[in-house]
Amino acid sequence: MSYEVIISKRAAKEIKSLPHQEIPKIFQKIKQLAEDPRPSGCKKLSGAQEDLYRIRSGDYRVIYSIEDVIKIVDIRQVGHRRDIYK
């Protein structure tokens, strides 16, 4: 009963621009979302027109949406915490 994880073009580009030591950590977190799209520590973001969630990986954040009906986790943004919410 796992979810399919889709990474948007924007998020893929942002992942490529991260420091090299952070990329495997981020991918591990993203892979875990397939089994548990709402892990402990995930937070629902307020103020967005749609339901967005975020998970932390050190100083970096992964912003994503969850489609429970069709079992999809859509990764929207990945970036440093100082830049991601702008």
C-alpha atoms as a PDB file:
ATOM      1  CA  MET A   1       0.000   0.000   0.000  1.00  0.00           C
ATOM      2  CA  SER A   2       2.838   2.370  -0.778  1.00  0.00           C
ATOM      3  CA  TYR A   3       2.565   5.690  -2.540  1.00  0.00           C
ATOM      4  CA  GLU A   4       4.188   6.672  -5.826  1.00  0.00           C
ATOM      5  CA  VAL A   5       6.633   9.564  -5.389  1.00  0.00           C
ATOM      6  CA  ILE A   6       6.765  12.139  -8.185  1.00  0.00           C
ATOM      7  CA  ILE A   7       9.470  14.813  -8.195  1.00  0.00           C
ATOM      8  CA  SER A   8       8.581  17.981 -10.115  1.00  0.00           C
ATOM      9  CA  LYS A   9      11.067  19.460 -12.594  1.00  0.00           C
ATOM     10  CA  ARG A  10      11.548  22.418 -10.275  1.00  0.00           C
ATOM     11  CA  ALA A  11      12.319  20.185  -7.285  1.00  0.00           C
ATOM     12  CA  ALA A  12      14.716  18.022  -9.350  1.00  0.00           C
ATOM     13  CA  LYS A  13      16.616  21.147 -10.390  1.00  0.00           C
ATOM     14  CA  GLU A  14      16.735  22.351  -6.772  1.00  0.00           C
ATOM     15  CA  ILE A  15      18.040  18.963  -5.596  1.00  0.00           C
ATOM     16  CA  LYS A  16      20.854  19.067  -8.173  1.00  0.00           C
ATOM     17  CA  SER A  17      21.963  22.463  -6.852  1.00  0.00           C
ATOM     18  CA  LEU A  18      22.243  21.272  -3.231  1.00  0.00           C
ATOM     19  CA  PRO A  19      25.614  20.554  -1.582  1.00  0.00           C
ATOM     20  CA  HIS A  20      26.705  17.043  -2.613  1.00  0.00           C
ATOM     21  CA  GLN A  21      26.757  15.647   0.941  1.00  0.00           C
ATOM     22  CA  GLU A  22      23.078  16.624   1.427  1.00  0.00           C
ATOM     23  CA  ILE A  23      21.680  14.936  -1.701  1.00  0.00           C
ATOM     24  CA  PRO A  24      21.751  11.306  -0.394  1.00  0.00           C
ATOM     25  CA  LYS A  25      20.102  12.421   2.881  1.00  0.00           C
ATOM     26  CA  ILE A  26      17.332  14.223   0.990  1.00  0.00           C
ATOM     27  CA  PHE A  27      16.740  11.220  -1.313  1.00  0.00           C
ATOM     28  CA  GLN A  28      16.522   8.901   1.705  1.00  0.00           C
ATOM     29  CA  LYS A  29      13.842  11.136   3.249  1.00  0.00           C
ATOM     30  CA  ILE A  30      11.946  11.315  -0.057  1.00  0.00           C
ATOM     31  CA  LYS A  31      12.103   7.517  -0.453  1.00  0.00           C
ATOM     32  CA  GLN A  32      10.614   7.076   3.029  1.00  0.00           C
ATOM     33  CA  LEU A  33       7.608   9.195   1.992  1.00  0.00           C
ATOM     34  CA  ALA A  34       6.495   6.351  -0.304  1.00  0.00           C
ATOM     35  CA  GLU A  35       5.833   4.160   2.750  1.00  0.00           C
ATOM     36  CA  ASP A  36       4.678   6.889   5.152  1.00  0.00           C
ATOM     37  CA  PRO A  37       3.633  10.182   3.524  1.00  0.00           C
ATOM     38  CA  ARG A  38       2.965  11.737   6.931  1.00  0.00           C
ATOM     39  CA  PRO A  39       5.991  10.724   9.053  1.00  0.00           C
ATOM     40  CA  SER A  40       6.470  12.032  12.575  1.00  0.00           C
ATOM     41  CA  GLY A  41       7.901  15.515  12.340  1.00  0.00           C
ATOM     42  CA  CYS A  42       6.097  16.373   9.112  1.00  0.00           C
ATOM     43  CA  LYS A  43       4.117  19.572   9.279  1.00  0.00           C
ATOM     44  CA  LYS A  44       1.083  20.735   7.333  1.00  0.00           C
ATOM     45  CA  LEU A  45       1.738  24.197   5.937  1.00  0.00           C
ATOM     46  CA  SER A  46      -0.875  26.876   6.481  1.00  0.00           C
ATOM     47  CA  GLY A  47      -1.674  29.722   4.129  1.00  0.00           C
ATOM     48  CA  ALA A  48      -1.403  27.744   0.888  1.00  0.00           C
ATOM     49  CA  GLN A  49      -4.355  27.288  -1.457  1.00  0.00           C
ATOM     50  CA  GLU A  50      -3.781  23.539  -1.357  1.00  0.00           C
ATOM     51  CA  ASP A  51      -2.682  21.119   1.347  1.00  0.00           C
ATOM     52  CA  LEU A  52       1.115  21.139   1.422  1.00  0.00           C
ATOM     53  CA  TYR A  53       3.372  19.369   3.880  1.00  0.00           C
ATOM     54  CA  ARG A  54       7.027  19.712   4.761  1.00  0.00           C
ATOM     55  CA  ILE A  55       9.695  17.451   6.178  1.00  0.00           C
ATOM     56  CA  ARG A  56      13.067  18.482   7.539  1.00  0.00           C
ATOM     57  CA  SER A  57      16.497  17.189   6.649  1.00  0.00           C
ATOM     58  CA  GLY A  58      19.015  19.216   8.634  1.00  0.00           C
ATOM     59  CA  ASP A  59      18.804  22.811   7.367  1.00  0.00           C
ATOM     60  CA  TYR A  60      16.904  21.721   4.263  1.00  0.00           C
ATOM     61  CA  ARG A  61      13.173  21.327   3.712  1.00  0.00           C
ATOM     62  CA  VAL A  62      11.119  19.211   1.304  1.00  0.00           C
ATOM     63  CA  ILE A  63       7.694  20.661   0.417  1.00  0.00           C
ATOM     64  CA  TYR A  64       5.168  18.190  -1.005  1.00  0.00           C
ATOM     65  CA  SER A  65       1.495  17.404  -1.507  1.00  0.00           C
ATOM     66  CA  ILE A  66      -0.305  14.115  -0.908  1.00  0.00           C
ATOM     67  CA  GLU A  67      -3.075  12.656  -3.093  1.00  0.00           C
ATOM     68  CA  ASP A  68      -4.507   9.902  -0.893  1.00  0.00           C
ATOM     69  CA  VAL A  69      -7.147   8.756  -3.391  1.00  0.00           C
ATOM     70  CA  ILE A  70      -4.626   7.923  -6.139  1.00  0.00           C
ATOM     71  CA  LYS A  71      -1.696   7.218  -3.761  1.00  0.00           C
ATOM     72  CA  ILE A  72       0.735   9.887  -5.022  1.00  0.00           C
ATOM     73  CA  VAL A  73       3.243  12.046  -3.139  1.00  0.00           C
ATOM     74  CA  ASP A  74       4.191  15.050  -5.302  1.00  0.00           C
ATOM     75  CA  ILE A  75       7.494  16.694  -4.331  1.00  0.00           C
ATOM     76  CA  ARG A  76       7.143  20.406  -5.134  1.00  0.00           C
ATOM     77  CA  GLN A  77      10.194  22.177  -3.674  1.00  0.00           C
ATOM     78  CA  VAL A  78      13.481  21.352  -1.984  1.00  0.00           C
ATOM     79  CA  GLY A  79      15.727  23.991  -0.497  1.00  0.00           C
ATOM     80  CA  HIS A  80      17.450  25.629   2.449  1.00  0.00           C
ATOM     81  CA  ARG A  81      15.142  26.659   5.259  1.00  0.00           C
ATOM     82  CA  ARG A  82      16.003  30.365   4.858  1.00  0.00           C
ATOM     83  CA  ASP A  83      14.851  30.377   1.213  1.00  0.00           C
ATOM     84  CA  ILE A  84      12.121  27.746   0.905  1.00  0.00           C
ATOM     85  CA  TYR A  85       9.143  29.654   2.301  1.00  0.00           C
ATOM     86  CA  LYS A  86       9.567  32.814   0.207  1.00  0.00           C
END
